Amino acid sequence: MGDAQGAEAADDDSDDSDDEEDGDPLETEGEIAADYLEELLDIADFDGDIDTYVESNRPHVSILTEGDVLVGRDGEVLEALQELSRLAVMTETGNRSRLMLDIGGYRENRRKVLTQLATDAVEDVRGSGESVRLDPMNPFERKIVHDVVAAAGLTSESEGEEPARRVVILPKS
């Protein structure tokens, strides 16, 4: 009996390690990116607390830090760090990642600004009956605008080529 209990305990231990290895792949992606970014912050001698979570079927990594050096002008450094993090995940997992990175709340603040911009543009389109072309935006920003426009019952489309790709909000037909 002692051997059976020992074998059972060994099976329980192996089940636990399988659970850790076979955990949510999105959580794993977040952890890989967080480890990569933590090493990068250490090398660059930047302070920051890193948090990971999964939202809307997408891994998210958030770096809480002072200053905007890691964000850059118009989020350019943030975008580059996000792409590097996605590459680190792809290198380790072999799969393309849709990971989102936020630094110092930049994306969340940008989301609020863009939501208001899109809401105002929707009202302009409704009032004038004419299309409204917004300034060029990155894919993250365009997605926010498209979502607000769709929720308001109008249609939008993207036009142009990167980096000058923009959202056009169309009146109801």
N, C-alpha and C. Protein backbone atom coordinates (compact mmCIF):
# COMPACT_ATOMS: atom_id res chain seq x y z
N MET A 1 0.82 -1.19 0.00
CA MET A 1 0.00 0.00 0.00
C MET A 1 0.85 1.24 0.00
N GLY A 2 1.94 1.22 0.76
CA GLY A 2 2.83 2.37 0.81
C GLY A 2 3.34 2.72 -0.57
N ASP A 3 3.66 1.66 -1.37
CA ASP A 3 4.14 1.91 -2.73
C ASP A 3 3.05 2.52 -3.59
N ALA A 4 1.82 2.05 -3.44
CA ALA A 4 0.70 2.58 -4.23
C ALA A 4 0.48 4.05 -3.89
N GLN A 5 0.56 4.37 -2.58
CA GLN A 5 0.38 5.78 -2.19
C GLN A 5 1.52 6.63 -2.73
N GLY A 6 2.74 6.08 -2.70
CA GLY A 6 3.88 6.82 -3.22
C GLY A 6 3.73 7.05 -4.72
N ALA A 7 3.26 6.03 -5.45
CA ALA A 7 3.05 6.17 -6.88
C ALA A 7 1.95 7.20 -7.16
N GLU A 8 0.90 7.16 -6.32
CA GLU A 8 -0.19 8.12 -6.47
C GLU A 8 0.32 9.54 -6.24
N ALA A 9 1.16 9.73 -5.22
CA ALA A 9 1.72 11.04 -4.92
C ALA A 9 2.60 11.50 -6.08
N ALA A 10 3.38 10.57 -6.66
CA ALA A 10 4.23 10.92 -7.80
C ALA A 10 3.36 11.34 -8.98
N ASP A 11 2.22 10.62 -9.20
CA ASP A 11 1.31 11.00 -10.28
C ASP A 11 0.75 12.40 -10.04
N ASP A 12 0.40 12.70 -8.79
CA ASP A 12 -0.12 14.02 -8.47
C ASP A 12 0.91 15.10 -8.79
N ASP A 13 2.18 14.84 -8.45
CA ASP A 13 3.24 15.82 -8.73
C ASP A 13 3.39 16.04 -10.23
N SER A 14 3.35 14.95 -11.00
CA SER A 14 3.51 15.10 -12.44
C SER A 14 2.31 15.81 -13.04
N ASP A 15 1.11 15.59 -12.48
CA ASP A 15 -0.07 16.30 -12.97
C ASP A 15 0.09 17.80 -12.74
N ASP A 16 0.64 18.19 -11.59
CA ASP A 16 0.83 19.61 -11.29
C ASP A 16 1.78 20.24 -12.29
N SER A 17 2.88 19.55 -12.60
CA SER A 17 3.84 20.13 -13.54
C SER A 17 3.23 20.21 -14.94
N ASP A 18 2.39 19.23 -15.30
CA ASP A 18 1.72 19.29 -16.60
C ASP A 18 0.80 20.49 -16.66
N ASP A 19 0.08 20.75 -15.56
CA ASP A 19 -0.82 21.90 -15.52
C ASP A 19 -0.06 23.19 -15.76
N GLU A 20 1.12 23.32 -15.16
CA GLU A 20 1.90 24.53 -15.33
C GLU A 20 2.38 24.65 -16.77
N GLU A 21 2.85 23.54 -17.35
CA GLU A 21 3.36 23.57 -18.71
C GLU A 21 2.23 23.74 -19.71
N ASP A 22 1.06 23.14 -19.44
CA ASP A 22 -0.06 23.17 -20.36
C ASP A 22 -1.05 24.28 -20.00
N GLY A 23 -0.62 25.28 -19.24
CA GLY A 23 -1.49 26.37 -18.84
C GLY A 23 -1.98 27.14 -20.05
N ASP A 24 -2.74 28.17 -19.80
CA ASP A 24 -3.29 29.02 -20.85
C ASP A 24 -2.16 29.56 -21.72
N PRO A 25 -2.18 29.27 -23.01
CA PRO A 25 -1.09 29.74 -23.88
C PRO A 25 -0.99 31.26 -23.93
N LEU A 26 -2.10 31.95 -23.75
CA LEU A 26 -2.05 33.42 -23.74
C LEU A 26 -1.33 33.93 -22.50
N GLU A 27 -1.57 33.28 -21.36
CA GLU A 27 -0.84 33.65 -20.15
C GLU A 27 0.65 33.38 -20.33
N THR A 28 0.96 32.26 -20.97
CA THR A 28 2.36 31.92 -21.24
C THR A 28 3.01 32.98 -22.11
N GLU A 29 2.31 33.44 -23.14
CA GLU A 29 2.84 34.50 -24.00
C GLU A 29 3.14 35.75 -23.19
N GLY A 30 2.22 36.12 -22.31
CA GLY A 30 2.42 37.29 -21.46
C GLY A 30 3.64 37.14 -20.57
N GLU A 31 3.81 35.95 -20.02
CA GLU A 31 4.96 35.70 -19.14
C GLU A 31 6.28 35.76 -19.91
N ILE A 32 6.29 35.19 -21.11
CA ILE A 32 7.51 35.24 -21.94
C ILE A 32 7.87 36.69 -22.25
N ALA A 33 6.86 37.46 -22.65
CA ALA A 33 7.11 38.88 -22.97
C ALA A 33 7.56 39.64 -21.73
N ALA A 34 6.94 39.36 -20.59
CA ALA A 34 7.31 40.05 -19.35
C ALA A 34 8.76 39.74 -18.98
N ASP A 35 9.16 38.48 -19.11
CA ASP A 35 10.55 38.11 -18.81
C ASP A 35 11.52 38.84 -19.75
N TYR A 36 11.17 38.89 -21.03
CA TYR A 36 12.00 39.58 -22.02
C TYR A 36 12.12 41.07 -21.67
N LEU A 37 10.99 41.69 -21.37
CA LEU A 37 10.99 43.13 -21.06
C LEU A 37 11.72 43.42 -19.75
N GLU A 38 11.60 42.53 -18.79
CA GLU A 38 12.30 42.71 -17.51
C GLU A 38 13.82 42.71 -17.74
N GLU A 39 14.29 41.78 -18.57
CA GLU A 39 15.72 41.76 -18.90
C GLU A 39 16.13 43.04 -19.61
N LEU A 40 15.30 43.50 -20.53
CA LEU A 40 15.59 44.72 -21.27
C LEU A 40 15.65 45.93 -20.33
N LEU A 41 14.71 46.01 -19.41
CA LEU A 41 14.71 47.11 -18.44
C LEU A 41 15.96 47.07 -17.57
N ASP A 42 16.36 45.86 -17.17
CA ASP A 42 17.58 45.71 -16.36
C ASP A 42 18.80 46.18 -17.13
N ILE A 43 18.92 45.78 -18.38
CA ILE A 43 20.06 46.17 -19.21
C ILE A 43 20.11 47.69 -19.37
N ALA A 44 18.95 48.30 -19.60
CA ALA A 44 18.87 49.76 -19.81
C ALA A 44 18.86 50.53 -18.50
N ASP A 45 18.84 49.82 -17.37
CA ASP A 45 18.81 50.42 -16.04
C ASP A 45 17.59 51.32 -15.83
N PHE A 46 16.41 50.81 -16.27
CA PHE A 46 15.14 51.49 -16.05
C PHE A 46 14.38 50.75 -14.96
N ASP A 47 13.66 51.49 -14.15
CA ASP A 47 12.80 50.90 -13.13
C ASP A 47 11.40 50.76 -13.70
N GLY A 48 10.72 49.71 -13.31
CA GLY A 48 9.34 49.51 -13.72
C GLY A 48 8.78 48.23 -13.17
N ASP A 49 7.52 48.27 -12.78
CA ASP A 49 6.82 47.07 -12.34
C ASP A 49 6.05 46.52 -13.54
N ILE A 50 6.14 45.21 -13.73
CA ILE A 50 5.51 44.57 -14.89
C ILE A 50 4.35 43.71 -14.43
N ASP A 51 3.21 43.88 -15.11
CA ASP A 51 2.00 43.13 -14.81
C ASP A 51 1.54 42.46 -16.09
N THR A 52 1.04 41.23 -15.99
CA THR A 52 0.51 40.54 -17.15
C THR A 52 -0.93 40.12 -16.88
N TYR A 53 -1.73 40.10 -17.93
CA TYR A 53 -3.11 39.63 -17.82
C TYR A 53 -3.61 39.31 -19.22
N VAL A 54 -4.74 38.62 -19.30
CA VAL A 54 -5.37 38.29 -20.57
C VAL A 54 -6.72 38.98 -20.60
N GLU A 55 -6.97 39.69 -21.72
CA GLU A 55 -8.23 40.40 -21.89
C GLU A 55 -8.64 40.33 -23.36
N SER A 56 -9.89 40.06 -23.61
CA SER A 56 -10.41 39.97 -24.97
C SER A 56 -9.60 38.98 -25.81
N ASN A 57 -9.27 37.85 -25.21
CA ASN A 57 -8.53 36.78 -25.89
C ASN A 57 -7.19 37.25 -26.44
N ARG A 58 -6.53 38.12 -25.66
CA ARG A 58 -5.25 38.68 -26.08
C ARG A 58 -4.38 38.89 -24.84
N PRO A 59 -3.11 38.46 -24.90
CA PRO A 59 -2.23 38.71 -23.75
C PRO A 59 -1.85 40.19 -23.67
N HIS A 60 -1.78 40.70 -22.45
CA HIS A 60 -1.41 42.08 -22.21
C HIS A 60 -0.25 42.12 -21.22
N VAL A 61 0.68 43.03 -21.46
CA VAL A 61 1.76 43.29 -20.53
C VAL A 61 1.74 44.79 -20.27
N SER A 62 1.78 45.15 -19.01
CA SER A 62 1.76 46.55 -18.63
C SER A 62 3.00 46.85 -17.79
N ILE A 63 3.70 47.90 -18.18
CA ILE A 63 4.86 48.34 -17.40
C ILE A 63 4.48 49.63 -16.70
N LEU A 64 4.53 49.60 -15.39
CA LEU A 64 4.25 50.80 -14.60
C LEU A 64 5.57 51.47 -14.30
N THR A 65 5.75 52.67 -14.86
CA THR A 65 7.01 53.37 -14.72
C THR A 65 6.76 54.88 -14.77
N GLU A 66 7.70 55.63 -14.25
CA GLU A 66 7.62 57.09 -14.31
C GLU A 66 8.27 57.57 -15.60
N GLY A 67 7.82 58.69 -16.09
CA GLY A 67 8.42 59.26 -17.29
C GLY A 67 7.89 58.61 -18.54
N ASP A 68 8.29 59.18 -19.67
CA ASP A 68 7.77 58.67 -20.93
C ASP A 68 8.86 58.25 -21.91
N VAL A 69 10.06 58.00 -21.40
CA VAL A 69 11.16 57.59 -22.26
C VAL A 69 10.82 56.28 -22.98
N LEU A 70 10.18 55.36 -22.29
CA LEU A 70 9.84 54.07 -22.89
C LEU A 70 8.61 54.14 -23.80
N VAL A 71 7.92 55.28 -23.77
CA VAL A 71 6.78 55.47 -24.66
C VAL A 71 7.24 56.14 -25.95
N GLY A 72 8.08 57.17 -25.80
CA GLY A 72 8.57 57.89 -26.97
C GLY A 72 7.54 58.84 -27.55
N ARG A 73 7.96 59.53 -28.59
CA ARG A 73 7.07 60.49 -29.25
C ARG A 73 5.96 59.72 -29.96
N ASP A 74 4.73 60.07 -29.68
CA ASP A 74 3.55 59.44 -30.28
C ASP A 74 3.55 57.92 -30.11
N GLY A 75 4.18 57.42 -29.04
CA GLY A 75 4.17 55.99 -28.75
C GLY A 75 5.10 55.17 -29.62
N GLU A 76 6.05 55.82 -30.30
CA GLU A 76 6.93 55.09 -31.22
C GLU A 76 7.81 54.06 -30.51
N VAL A 77 8.37 54.42 -29.37
CA VAL A 77 9.21 53.47 -28.63
C VAL A 77 8.34 52.33 -28.09
N LEU A 78 7.16 52.66 -27.61
CA LEU A 78 6.21 51.66 -27.13
C LEU A 78 5.89 50.66 -28.24
N GLU A 79 5.61 51.15 -29.43
CA GLU A 79 5.31 50.26 -30.56
C GLU A 79 6.50 49.34 -30.87
N ALA A 80 7.71 49.90 -30.84
CA ALA A 80 8.91 49.10 -31.11
C ALA A 80 9.10 48.03 -30.05
N LEU A 81 8.92 48.39 -28.78
CA LEU A 81 9.05 47.43 -27.69
C LEU A 81 7.98 46.33 -27.79
N GLN A 82 6.79 46.72 -28.22
CA GLN A 82 5.73 45.72 -28.41
C GLN A 82 6.13 44.73 -29.50
N GLU A 83 6.66 45.22 -30.61
CA GLU A 83 7.08 44.33 -31.69
C GLU A 83 8.22 43.43 -31.26
N LEU A 84 9.17 43.96 -30.51
CA LEU A 84 10.27 43.14 -30.00
C LEU A 84 9.74 42.05 -29.05
N SER A 85 8.78 42.42 -28.23
CA SER A 85 8.17 41.45 -27.31
C SER A 85 7.44 40.36 -28.07
N ARG A 86 6.73 40.74 -29.12
CA ARG A 86 6.04 39.75 -29.95
C ARG A 86 7.04 38.81 -30.61
N LEU A 87 8.17 39.36 -31.06
CA LEU A 87 9.21 38.52 -31.65
C LEU A 87 9.80 37.55 -30.63
N ALA A 88 9.99 38.02 -29.40
CA ALA A 88 10.51 37.15 -28.34
C ALA A 88 9.54 36.00 -28.08
N VAL A 89 8.25 36.30 -28.08
CA VAL A 89 7.24 35.26 -27.88
C VAL A 89 7.27 34.29 -29.05
N MET A 90 7.32 34.81 -30.27
CA MET A 90 7.32 33.95 -31.44
C MET A 90 8.57 33.06 -31.48
N THR A 91 9.70 33.61 -31.07
CA THR A 91 10.94 32.84 -31.04
C THR A 91 10.82 31.66 -30.07
N GLU A 92 10.18 31.88 -28.95
CA GLU A 92 10.07 30.83 -27.94
C GLU A 92 8.94 29.84 -28.21
N THR A 93 7.82 30.34 -28.76
CA THR A 93 6.65 29.46 -28.94
C THR A 93 6.49 28.96 -30.36
N GLY A 94 7.06 29.67 -31.32
CA GLY A 94 6.87 29.31 -32.72
C GLY A 94 5.58 29.86 -33.29
N ASN A 95 4.82 30.58 -32.48
CA ASN A 95 3.54 31.13 -32.91
C ASN A 95 3.56 32.66 -32.89
N ARG A 96 2.87 33.25 -33.86
CA ARG A 96 2.73 34.70 -33.89
C ARG A 96 1.85 35.14 -32.72
N SER A 97 2.21 36.24 -32.08
CA SER A 97 1.48 36.72 -30.92
C SER A 97 0.74 38.01 -31.24
N ARG A 98 -0.41 38.18 -30.59
CA ARG A 98 -1.19 39.43 -30.69
C ARG A 98 -1.03 40.24 -29.40
N LEU A 99 0.05 40.02 -28.70
CA LEU A 99 0.32 40.67 -27.42
C LEU A 99 0.19 42.19 -27.51
N MET A 100 -0.40 42.77 -26.49
CA MET A 100 -0.50 44.23 -26.38
C MET A 100 0.38 44.68 -25.21
N LEU A 101 1.14 45.73 -25.44
CA LEU A 101 1.99 46.30 -24.41
C LEU A 101 1.51 47.70 -24.09
N ASP A 102 1.44 48.01 -22.81
CA ASP A 102 1.14 49.37 -22.37
C ASP A 102 2.24 49.79 -21.40
N ILE A 103 2.63 51.03 -21.50
CA ILE A 103 3.67 51.57 -20.62
C ILE A 103 3.16 52.86 -19.99
N GLY A 104 3.16 52.87 -18.67
CA GLY A 104 2.75 54.06 -17.93
C GLY A 104 1.33 54.51 -18.23
N GLY A 105 0.46 53.58 -18.65
CA GLY A 105 -0.93 53.91 -18.94
C GLY A 105 -1.13 54.66 -20.25
N TYR A 106 -0.10 54.72 -21.09
CA TYR A 106 -0.19 55.48 -22.35
C TYR A 106 -1.34 54.99 -23.22
N ARG A 107 -1.43 53.69 -23.44
CA ARG A 107 -2.49 53.17 -24.32
C ARG A 107 -3.88 53.42 -23.74
N GLU A 108 -4.02 53.25 -22.44
CA GLU A 108 -5.32 53.48 -21.83
C GLU A 108 -5.73 54.95 -21.97
N ASN A 109 -4.79 55.85 -21.73
CA ASN A 109 -5.08 57.27 -21.90
C ASN A 109 -5.39 57.59 -23.36
N ARG A 110 -4.64 56.98 -24.26
CA ARG A 110 -4.86 57.20 -25.70
C ARG A 110 -6.22 56.68 -26.11
N ARG A 111 -6.62 55.54 -25.53
CA ARG A 111 -7.95 54.97 -25.82
C ARG A 111 -9.05 55.96 -25.46
N LYS A 112 -8.94 56.62 -24.32
CA LYS A 112 -9.95 57.60 -23.89
C LYS A 112 -10.01 58.78 -24.86
N VAL A 113 -8.84 59.29 -25.25
CA VAL A 113 -8.78 60.42 -26.19
C VAL A 113 -9.39 60.03 -27.54
N LEU A 114 -9.03 58.85 -28.04
CA LEU A 114 -9.53 58.41 -29.34
C LEU A 114 -11.03 58.11 -29.31
N THR A 115 -11.51 57.60 -28.20
CA THR A 115 -12.95 57.35 -28.06
C THR A 115 -13.72 58.66 -28.17
N GLN A 116 -13.21 59.70 -27.52
CA GLN A 116 -13.87 61.00 -27.61
C GLN A 116 -13.76 61.58 -29.02
N LEU A 117 -12.59 61.45 -29.64
CA LEU A 117 -12.39 61.92 -31.01
C LEU A 117 -13.37 61.23 -31.96
N ALA A 118 -13.50 59.92 -31.84
CA ALA A 118 -14.40 59.17 -32.70
C ALA A 118 -15.85 59.55 -32.44
N THR A 119 -16.22 59.74 -31.20
CA THR A 119 -17.58 60.13 -30.86
C THR A 119 -17.91 61.49 -31.47
N ASP A 120 -16.98 62.43 -31.37
CA ASP A 120 -17.18 63.76 -31.97
C ASP A 120 -17.29 63.65 -33.49
N ALA A 121 -16.45 62.81 -34.10
CA ALA A 121 -16.49 62.65 -35.56
C ALA A 121 -17.80 62.02 -36.01
N VAL A 122 -18.31 61.07 -35.25
CA VAL A 122 -19.61 60.44 -35.57
C VAL A 122 -20.70 61.52 -35.56
N GLU A 123 -20.67 62.38 -34.57
CA GLU A 123 -21.67 63.46 -34.49
C GLU A 123 -21.52 64.42 -35.68
N ASP A 124 -20.28 64.70 -36.09
CA ASP A 124 -20.05 65.55 -37.27
C ASP A 124 -20.65 64.91 -38.52
N VAL A 125 -20.42 63.61 -38.70
CA VAL A 125 -20.94 62.89 -39.86
C VAL A 125 -22.47 62.91 -39.84
N ARG A 126 -23.05 62.65 -38.69
CA ARG A 126 -24.53 62.66 -38.58
C ARG A 126 -25.08 64.05 -38.87
N GLY A 127 -24.40 65.07 -38.39
CA GLY A 127 -24.88 66.45 -38.58
C GLY A 127 -24.73 66.94 -40.00
N SER A 128 -23.63 66.59 -40.66
CA SER A 128 -23.35 67.11 -42.00
C SER A 128 -23.77 66.17 -43.12
N GLY A 129 -23.87 64.88 -42.82
CA GLY A 129 -24.17 63.91 -43.86
C GLY A 129 -22.98 63.63 -44.76
N GLU A 130 -21.81 64.18 -44.40
CA GLU A 130 -20.59 64.02 -45.18
C GLU A 130 -19.60 63.10 -44.45
N SER A 131 -18.74 62.45 -45.21
CA SER A 131 -17.69 61.61 -44.62
C SER A 131 -16.71 62.49 -43.85
N VAL A 132 -16.10 61.91 -42.83
CA VAL A 132 -15.04 62.59 -42.07
C VAL A 132 -13.79 61.74 -42.14
N ARG A 133 -12.67 62.37 -42.56
CA ARG A 133 -11.36 61.70 -42.60
C ARG A 133 -10.56 62.16 -41.39
N LEU A 134 -10.11 61.19 -40.62
CA LEU A 134 -9.31 61.51 -39.44
C LEU A 134 -7.83 61.51 -39.80
N ASP A 135 -7.02 62.03 -38.91
CA ASP A 135 -5.57 62.04 -39.11
C ASP A 135 -5.04 60.61 -39.12
N PRO A 136 -3.87 60.40 -39.72
CA PRO A 136 -3.28 59.05 -39.73
C PRO A 136 -3.10 58.49 -38.31
N MET A 137 -3.28 57.18 -38.20
CA MET A 137 -3.18 56.48 -36.91
C MET A 137 -2.53 55.13 -37.12
N ASN A 138 -1.99 54.60 -36.03
CA ASN A 138 -1.45 53.24 -36.09
C ASN A 138 -2.61 52.24 -35.98
N PRO A 139 -2.36 50.96 -36.22
CA PRO A 139 -3.45 49.97 -36.19
C PRO A 139 -4.21 49.92 -34.87
N PHE A 140 -3.52 50.02 -33.75
CA PHE A 140 -4.18 50.02 -32.43
C PHE A 140 -5.19 51.15 -32.35
N GLU A 141 -4.79 52.33 -32.78
CA GLU A 141 -5.66 53.50 -32.69
C GLU A 141 -6.83 53.39 -33.67
N ARG A 142 -6.57 52.92 -34.87
CA ARG A 142 -7.65 52.76 -35.85
C ARG A 142 -8.70 51.78 -35.35
N LYS A 143 -8.27 50.70 -34.72
CA LYS A 143 -9.20 49.70 -34.19
C LYS A 143 -10.15 50.32 -33.17
N ILE A 144 -9.62 51.16 -32.31
CA ILE A 144 -10.46 51.82 -31.31
C ILE A 144 -11.52 52.67 -32.01
N VAL A 145 -11.11 53.45 -33.00
CA VAL A 145 -12.04 54.31 -33.72
C VAL A 145 -13.09 53.47 -34.45
N HIS A 146 -12.66 52.42 -35.15
CA HIS A 146 -13.62 51.56 -35.86
C HIS A 146 -14.65 50.98 -34.88
N ASP A 147 -14.22 50.57 -33.71
CA ASP A 147 -15.14 50.00 -32.71
C ASP A 147 -16.16 51.03 -32.24
N VAL A 148 -15.72 52.27 -32.00
CA VAL A 148 -16.63 53.33 -31.55
C VAL A 148 -17.64 53.64 -32.65
N VAL A 149 -17.17 53.74 -33.88
CA VAL A 149 -18.04 54.04 -35.01
C VAL A 149 -19.09 52.94 -35.19
N ALA A 150 -18.66 51.68 -35.13
CA ALA A 150 -19.59 50.55 -35.27
C ALA A 150 -20.63 50.56 -34.16
N ALA A 151 -20.20 50.85 -32.94
CA ALA A 151 -21.12 50.89 -31.81
C ALA A 151 -22.15 52.02 -31.98
N ALA A 152 -21.79 53.07 -32.72
CA ALA A 152 -22.69 54.19 -32.97
C ALA A 152 -23.61 53.92 -34.16
N GLY A 153 -23.42 52.78 -34.83
CA GLY A 153 -24.28 52.41 -35.93
C GLY A 153 -23.87 52.95 -37.29
N LEU A 154 -22.67 53.48 -37.39
CA LEU A 154 -22.16 53.96 -38.68
C LEU A 154 -21.08 53.01 -39.18
N THR A 155 -20.58 53.30 -40.38
CA THR A 155 -19.56 52.48 -41.01
C THR A 155 -18.28 53.30 -41.14
N SER A 156 -17.16 52.62 -41.01
CA SER A 156 -15.86 53.29 -41.21
C SER A 156 -14.97 52.35 -42.01
N GLU A 157 -13.96 52.95 -42.63
CA GLU A 157 -12.99 52.16 -43.36
C GLU A 157 -11.64 52.83 -43.23
N SER A 158 -10.59 52.05 -43.43
CA SER A 158 -9.25 52.60 -43.41
C SER A 158 -8.81 52.82 -44.85
N GLU A 159 -8.08 53.91 -45.06
CA GLU A 159 -7.56 54.19 -46.39
C GLU A 159 -6.12 54.66 -46.28
N GLY A 160 -5.39 54.49 -47.38
CA GLY A 160 -4.00 54.93 -47.41
C GLY A 160 -3.05 53.82 -47.03
N GLU A 161 -1.78 54.15 -47.05
CA GLU A 161 -0.72 53.21 -46.72
C GLU A 161 -0.01 53.67 -45.46
N GLU A 162 0.51 52.70 -44.70
CA GLU A 162 1.29 53.04 -43.49
C GLU A 162 2.47 53.90 -43.91
N PRO A 163 2.86 54.87 -43.17
CA PRO A 163 2.33 55.27 -41.87
C PRO A 163 1.22 56.32 -41.96
N ALA A 164 0.71 56.57 -43.17
CA ALA A 164 -0.31 57.60 -43.36
C ALA A 164 -1.72 57.01 -43.46
N ARG A 165 -1.90 55.79 -42.97
CA ARG A 165 -3.21 55.13 -43.03
C ARG A 165 -4.14 55.81 -42.04
N ARG A 166 -5.36 56.08 -42.48
CA ARG A 166 -6.32 56.82 -41.66
C ARG A 166 -7.71 56.18 -41.70
N VAL A 167 -8.56 56.60 -40.80
CA VAL A 167 -9.94 56.13 -40.74
C VAL A 167 -10.84 57.17 -41.42
N VAL A 168 -11.76 56.66 -42.23
CA VAL A 168 -12.79 57.51 -42.83
C VAL A 168 -14.11 57.02 -42.29
N ILE A 169 -14.88 57.94 -41.71
CA ILE A 169 -16.19 57.60 -41.16
C ILE A 169 -17.24 58.02 -42.19
N LEU A 170 -18.08 57.06 -42.56
CA LEU A 170 -19.03 57.26 -43.65
C LEU A 170 -20.43 57.53 -43.11
N PRO A 171 -21.19 58.40 -43.81
CA PRO A 171 -22.59 58.62 -43.40
C PRO A 171 -23.43 57.40 -43.74
N LYS A 172 -24.60 57.30 -43.11
CA LYS A 172 -25.52 56.21 -43.45
C LYS A 172 -25.99 56.41 -44.87
N SER A 173 -26.13 55.30 -45.59
CA SER A 173 -26.56 55.37 -47.00
C SER A 173 -28.05 55.60 -47.08
